[in-house]
């Protein structure tokens, strides 16, 4: 009787271990599966490199792909479905043409082995789900050229706007903007930067002379600083030395975040960078 019970218990343990071994993970692993040492857009890139667009197929086809990376790195349980896009009219779904689906399935089933996921030092099965925008290499190259051209045009337009703004753009102050300009990291970072970079005039330091120099400057829309002026200097001596150091400090500062005004209030407000005259006290103590 005891032998029978022990036999049944062994069977239960074996079945439990096998079930655990065949578990498909979607999280809670020590290492995720990778292909050629890469994650992220690796699937999209691999498909594009190997895709042969079927006759009559669109240049680009969006789809959702899911698959299981087995313990040996091979792919199984491959599913290809239409990508759902949320539009103003609701959820839009464009079916994947059968010829494209067949071509992508060909690529995936012939894909070299991945490095499988691991947990507690052992390889485990892992399910991946990813969005893919399928296109051939020629279409990808054309998109890259168009993106580069658009980026260049935007940069040129931005440079032109900066030049025009510096030449004759309106300068804002105080309450006339929605967001004031700021030093990278904010006021605390500005104070720390000044303390780390200030060079106290030697003769003034020897005599224990202190002072407070108030500087104003324009923060341009590209974050650069211009039109630096001294508007107050409380030092009883060495005024010229204190002012020269204050101006040097401002000229040495990194680019700021420019001021902004809201030009259109929506769910996400549209803003525009503007010039702003900023007042900054520099203390010599």
Protein backbone atom coordinates (compact mmCIF):
# COMPACT_ATOMS: atom_id res chain seq x y z
CA UNK A 1 0.00 0.00 0.00
CA UNK A 2 2.78 2.38 0.98
CA UNK A 3 4.61 1.59 -2.25
CA UNK A 4 1.46 2.48 -4.21
CA UNK A 5 1.10 5.81 -2.39
CA UNK A 6 4.78 6.59 -2.91
CA UNK A 7 4.41 5.80 -6.60
CA UNK A 8 1.39 8.11 -6.95
CA UNK A 9 3.22 10.87 -5.08
CA UNK A 10 6.21 10.53 -7.42
CA UNK A 11 3.90 10.80 -10.43
CA UNK A 12 2.29 13.97 -9.03
CA UNK A 13 5.72 15.53 -8.39
CA UNK A 14 6.88 14.61 -11.91
CA UNK A 15 3.78 16.11 -13.52
CA UNK A 16 4.20 19.28 -11.40
CA UNK A 17 7.84 19.68 -12.43
CA UNK A 18 6.97 19.14 -16.09
CA UNK A 19 4.20 21.74 -15.87
CA UNK A 20 6.62 24.18 -14.28
CA UNK A 21 9.20 23.46 -16.99
CA UNK A 22 6.64 24.18 -19.74
CA UNK A 23 5.35 27.41 -18.18
CA UNK A 24 5.30 30.38 -20.54
CA UNK A 25 6.49 33.54 -18.81
CA UNK A 26 5.52 37.10 -19.70
CA UNK A 27 7.41 38.74 -16.84
CA UNK A 28 9.32 37.93 -13.62
CA UNK A 29 12.40 36.43 -15.26
CA UNK A 30 16.03 37.22 -14.51
CA UNK A 31 16.98 37.85 -18.13
CA UNK A 32 14.74 38.64 -21.10
CA UNK A 33 15.24 36.86 -24.41
CA UNK A 34 17.49 38.67 -26.89
CA UNK A 35 18.37 38.30 -30.56
CA UNK A 36 21.97 38.95 -31.59
CA UNK A 37 22.47 40.63 -28.23
CA UNK A 38 19.73 43.18 -28.87
CA UNK A 39 16.21 43.89 -27.66
CA UNK A 40 13.75 46.66 -28.52
CA UNK A 41 13.31 47.21 -32.28
CA UNK A 42 15.34 44.13 -33.21
CA UNK A 43 12.30 42.31 -34.61
CA UNK A 44 11.23 45.25 -36.76
CA UNK A 45 14.77 45.66 -38.15
CA UNK A 46 15.17 41.93 -38.84
CA UNK A 47 11.89 41.70 -40.74
CA UNK A 48 12.70 44.79 -42.85
CA UNK A 49 16.14 43.40 -43.73
CA UNK A 50 14.61 40.13 -44.94
CA UNK A 51 11.23 41.28 -46.28
CA UNK A 52 10.35 40.79 -49.94
CA UNK A 53 7.24 42.85 -50.58
CA UNK A 54 4.60 40.74 -52.37
CA UNK A 55 3.20 42.06 -55.65
CA UNK A 56 0.37 44.51 -55.05
CA UNK A 57 1.07 44.83 -51.31
CA UNK A 58 1.12 48.29 -49.68
CA UNK A 59 4.51 49.95 -49.07
CA UNK A 60 3.96 49.69 -45.32
CA UNK A 61 1.78 47.41 -43.20
CA UNK A 62 1.32 47.80 -39.44
CA UNK A 63 0.78 44.64 -37.42
CA UNK A 64 0.96 43.12 -33.96
CA UNK A 65 3.15 40.03 -33.60
CA UNK A 66 3.31 37.63 -30.68
CA UNK A 67 5.48 34.55 -30.28
CA UNK A 68 7.11 32.33 -27.70
CA UNK A 69 10.90 32.12 -27.48
CA UNK A 70 11.48 28.51 -26.54
CA UNK A 71 14.29 27.24 -24.30
CA UNK A 72 16.34 26.39 -27.38
CA UNK A 73 15.87 29.92 -28.75
CA UNK A 74 13.49 28.92 -31.54
CA UNK A 75 10.18 30.72 -32.05
CA UNK A 76 6.81 29.03 -31.62
CA UNK A 77 3.16 30.00 -31.25
CA UNK A 78 3.62 32.79 -33.80
CA UNK A 79 0.55 34.99 -34.28
CA UNK A 80 0.19 37.93 -36.65
CA UNK A 81 -2.75 40.30 -36.15
CA UNK A 82 -3.93 43.67 -37.36
CA UNK A 83 -2.71 46.73 -35.48
CA UNK A 84 -5.44 48.70 -33.73
CA UNK A 85 -5.11 52.47 -34.00
CA UNK A 86 -7.20 54.91 -31.97
CA UNK A 87 -8.52 57.75 -34.14
CA UNK A 88 -11.07 60.53 -33.72
CA UNK A 89 -13.65 58.11 -35.11
CA UNK A 90 -12.79 55.39 -32.61
CA UNK A 91 -10.68 52.25 -32.93
CA UNK A 92 -9.46 51.65 -36.47
CA UNK A 93 -8.13 48.28 -37.54
CA UNK A 94 -6.51 47.63 -40.91
CA UNK A 95 -6.34 43.92 -41.75
CA UNK A 96 -2.98 42.47 -42.71
CA UNK A 97 -3.06 41.36 -46.37
CA UNK A 98 -2.75 37.56 -46.59
CA UNK A 99 0.30 37.78 -48.87
CA UNK A 100 2.10 40.04 -46.38
CA UNK A 101 1.12 37.80 -43.47
CA UNK A 102 2.51 34.78 -45.32
CA UNK A 103 5.80 36.60 -46.06
CA UNK A 104 6.27 37.71 -42.47
CA UNK A 105 5.48 34.20 -41.22
CA UNK A 106 8.16 32.87 -43.60
CA UNK A 107 10.71 35.27 -42.12
CA UNK A 108 9.85 34.43 -38.53
CA UNK A 109 9.82 30.65 -38.92
CA UNK A 110 13.26 30.79 -40.58
CA UNK A 111 14.68 33.20 -37.99
CA UNK A 112 17.94 32.08 -36.33
CA UNK A 113 17.80 31.11 -32.67
CA UNK A 114 17.47 33.72 -29.94
CA UNK A 115 19.17 33.66 -26.57
CA UNK A 116 16.27 32.46 -24.40
CA UNK A 117 14.99 34.05 -21.22
CA UNK A 118 16.35 32.69 -17.98
CA UNK A 119 15.16 32.33 -14.42
CA UNK A 120 17.23 31.00 -11.52
CA UNK A 121 20.00 30.16 -13.95
CA UNK A 122 17.78 28.03 -16.23
CA UNK A 123 16.37 28.74 -19.68
CA UNK A 124 12.60 29.30 -19.71
CA UNK A 125 9.90 29.82 -22.31
CA UNK A 126 8.94 33.46 -22.75
CA UNK A 127 6.16 35.17 -24.69
CA UNK A 128 6.95 38.36 -26.60
CA UNK A 129 4.41 40.79 -28.05
CA UNK A 130 5.53 43.59 -30.33
CA UNK A 131 4.32 46.18 -32.81
CA UNK A 132 5.93 46.03 -36.24
CA UNK A 133 5.69 48.43 -39.17
CA UNK A 134 6.64 46.17 -42.06
CA UNK A 135 8.30 47.65 -45.15
CA UNK A 136 11.13 46.71 -47.48
CA UNK A 137 14.61 48.24 -47.32
CA UNK A 138 13.95 50.62 -50.22
CA UNK A 139 10.91 52.08 -48.45
CA UNK A 140 12.87 52.38 -45.21
CA UNK A 141 15.68 54.21 -47.02
CA UNK A 142 13.17 56.57 -48.64
CA UNK A 143 11.61 57.31 -45.24
CA UNK A 144 15.06 58.01 -43.80
CA UNK A 145 15.81 60.49 -46.60
CA UNK A 146 12.48 62.23 -46.11
CA UNK A 147 13.00 62.41 -42.34
CA UNK A 148 16.50 63.84 -42.80
CA UNK A 149 15.18 66.44 -45.24
CA UNK A 150 12.37 67.41 -42.86
CA UNK A 151 14.79 67.65 -39.93
CA UNK A 152 17.12 69.87 -41.96
CA UNK A 153 14.25 72.15 -43.02
CA UNK A 154 13.06 72.42 -39.40
CA UNK A 155 16.58 73.24 -38.20
CA UNK A 156 16.99 75.91 -40.89
CA UNK A 157 13.62 77.44 -40.00
CA UNK A 158 14.59 77.41 -36.32
CA UNK A 159 17.94 79.09 -37.05
CA UNK A 160 16.18 81.76 -39.13
CA UNK A 161 13.69 82.39 -36.34
CA UNK A 162 16.53 82.72 -33.81
CA UNK A 163 18.38 85.22 -36.02
CA UNK A 164 15.25 87.30 -36.56
CA UNK A 165 14.37 87.16 -32.87
CA UNK A 166 17.83 88.37 -31.82
CA UNK A 167 17.68 91.16 -34.38
CA UNK A 168 14.27 92.61 -33.57
CA UNK A 169 12.23 90.24 -31.41
CA UNK A 170 10.20 91.56 -28.50
CA UNK A 171 11.87 91.25 -25.10
CA UNK A 172 9.55 90.15 -22.27
CA UNK A 173 9.95 90.73 -18.56
CA UNK A 174 8.38 89.48 -15.31
CA UNK A 175 4.64 88.75 -15.51
CA UNK A 176 4.39 88.95 -19.29
CA UNK A 177 5.35 85.31 -19.86
CA UNK A 178 3.77 82.02 -18.81
CA UNK A 179 7.10 80.37 -18.00
CA UNK A 180 10.19 82.34 -17.01
CA UNK A 181 13.60 81.23 -18.32
CA UNK A 182 15.71 79.11 -16.02
CA UNK A 183 19.25 77.81 -15.63
CA UNK A 184 19.59 74.05 -16.30
CA UNK A 185 18.49 72.38 -13.07
CA UNK A 186 16.79 75.49 -11.67
CA UNK A 187 17.74 78.16 -9.13
CA UNK A 188 19.60 75.80 -6.81
CA UNK A 189 21.77 74.62 -9.70
CA UNK A 190 22.44 78.24 -10.71
CA UNK A 191 23.62 79.14 -7.22
CA UNK A 192 25.86 76.06 -7.10
CA UNK A 193 27.30 76.85 -10.54
CA UNK A 194 28.12 80.43 -9.55
CA UNK A 195 29.81 79.28 -6.31
CA UNK A 196 31.88 76.71 -8.23
CA UNK A 197 32.96 79.06 -11.02
CA UNK A 198 33.29 82.51 -9.43
CA UNK A 199 36.79 83.98 -9.27
CA UNK A 200 36.98 86.43 -6.40
CA UNK A 201 39.16 89.46 -7.30
CA UNK A 202 42.45 88.78 -5.48
CA UNK A 203 43.02 92.26 -4.08
CA UNK A 204 39.43 92.52 -2.85
CA UNK A 205 39.75 89.13 -1.17
CA UNK A 206 42.99 90.17 0.56
CA UNK A 207 41.32 93.27 2.01
CA UNK A 208 38.10 91.41 2.92
CA UNK A 209 35.97 93.57 0.61
CA UNK A 210 32.55 92.09 -0.15
CA UNK A 211 29.88 93.19 -2.58
CA UNK A 212 26.74 92.39 -4.51
CA UNK A 213 26.59 92.94 -8.25
CA UNK A 214 23.20 92.79 -9.98
CA UNK A 215 23.38 91.79 -13.63
CA UNK A 216 20.66 91.76 -16.28
CA UNK A 217 20.78 89.94 -19.58
CA UNK A 218 18.49 88.67 -22.30
CA UNK A 219 17.84 84.94 -22.49
CA UNK A 220 17.40 84.36 -26.22
CA UNK A 221 15.01 81.76 -27.65
CA UNK A 222 17.93 79.37 -28.20
CA UNK A 223 18.97 79.74 -24.54
CA UNK A 224 22.05 81.87 -25.24
CA UNK A 225 22.61 85.03 -23.18
CA UNK A 226 23.06 88.51 -24.66
CA UNK A 227 22.99 92.23 -23.84
CA UNK A 228 24.67 91.78 -20.45
CA UNK A 229 24.46 94.87 -18.25
CA UNK A 230 25.34 95.85 -14.69
CA UNK A 231 22.49 97.67 -12.96
CA UNK A 232 23.76 97.74 -9.36
CA UNK A 233 27.03 97.32 -7.51
CA UNK A 234 27.23 97.61 -3.70
CA UNK A 235 30.97 97.05 -3.37
CA UNK A 236 32.68 100.01 -1.63
CA UNK A 237 35.92 99.33 -3.50
CA UNK A 238 37.12 97.41 -6.55
CA UNK A 239 33.82 98.06 -8.37
CA UNK A 240 35.39 97.53 -11.80
CA UNK A 241 36.92 94.18 -10.77
CA UNK A 242 33.65 92.90 -9.31
CA UNK A 243 31.69 93.96 -12.40
CA UNK A 244 34.21 92.40 -14.78
CA UNK A 245 33.97 89.09 -12.93
CA UNK A 246 30.16 89.19 -12.89
CA UNK A 247 30.10 89.74 -16.66
CA UNK A 248 32.65 86.96 -17.21
CA UNK A 249 30.51 84.56 -15.18
CA UNK A 250 27.38 85.30 -17.20
CA UNK A 251 29.24 84.87 -20.50
CA UNK A 252 30.55 81.50 -19.30
CA UNK A 253 27.12 80.12 -18.35
CA UNK A 254 25.67 77.19 -20.30
CA UNK A 255 22.51 77.72 -22.36
CA UNK A 256 19.35 78.35 -20.37
CA UNK A 257 15.83 77.07 -20.98
CA UNK A 258 14.09 80.02 -22.68
CA UNK A 259 10.92 81.77 -21.53
CA UNK A 260 7.62 80.60 -22.98
CA UNK A 261 4.21 82.07 -23.69
CA UNK A 262 1.08 80.04 -24.39
CA UNK A 263 -0.22 80.71 -27.87
CA UNK A 264 -3.05 78.18 -27.83
CA UNK A 265 -4.74 76.53 -24.88
CA UNK A 266 -5.70 72.93 -25.62
CA UNK A 267 -5.40 69.61 -23.78
CA UNK A 268 -1.66 70.09 -24.27
CA UNK A 269 -0.98 73.84 -24.46
CA UNK A 270 0.95 75.07 -27.49
CA UNK A 271 3.78 77.33 -26.45
CA UNK A 272 6.30 79.58 -28.13
CA UNK A 273 9.81 80.45 -26.96
CA UNK A 274 10.37 84.18 -26.45
CA UNK A 275 13.20 86.54 -25.46
CA UNK A 276 13.29 87.54 -21.82
CA UNK A 277 15.31 90.00 -19.76
CA UNK A 278 16.49 88.28 -16.60
CA UNK A 279 17.93 89.89 -13.48
CA UNK A 280 20.57 87.93 -11.56
CA UNK A 281 22.38 89.01 -8.36
CA UNK A 282 25.96 87.79 -7.93
CA UNK A 283 27.26 87.99 -4.38
CA UNK A 284 30.95 88.26 -3.44
CA UNK A 285 31.40 87.24 0.20
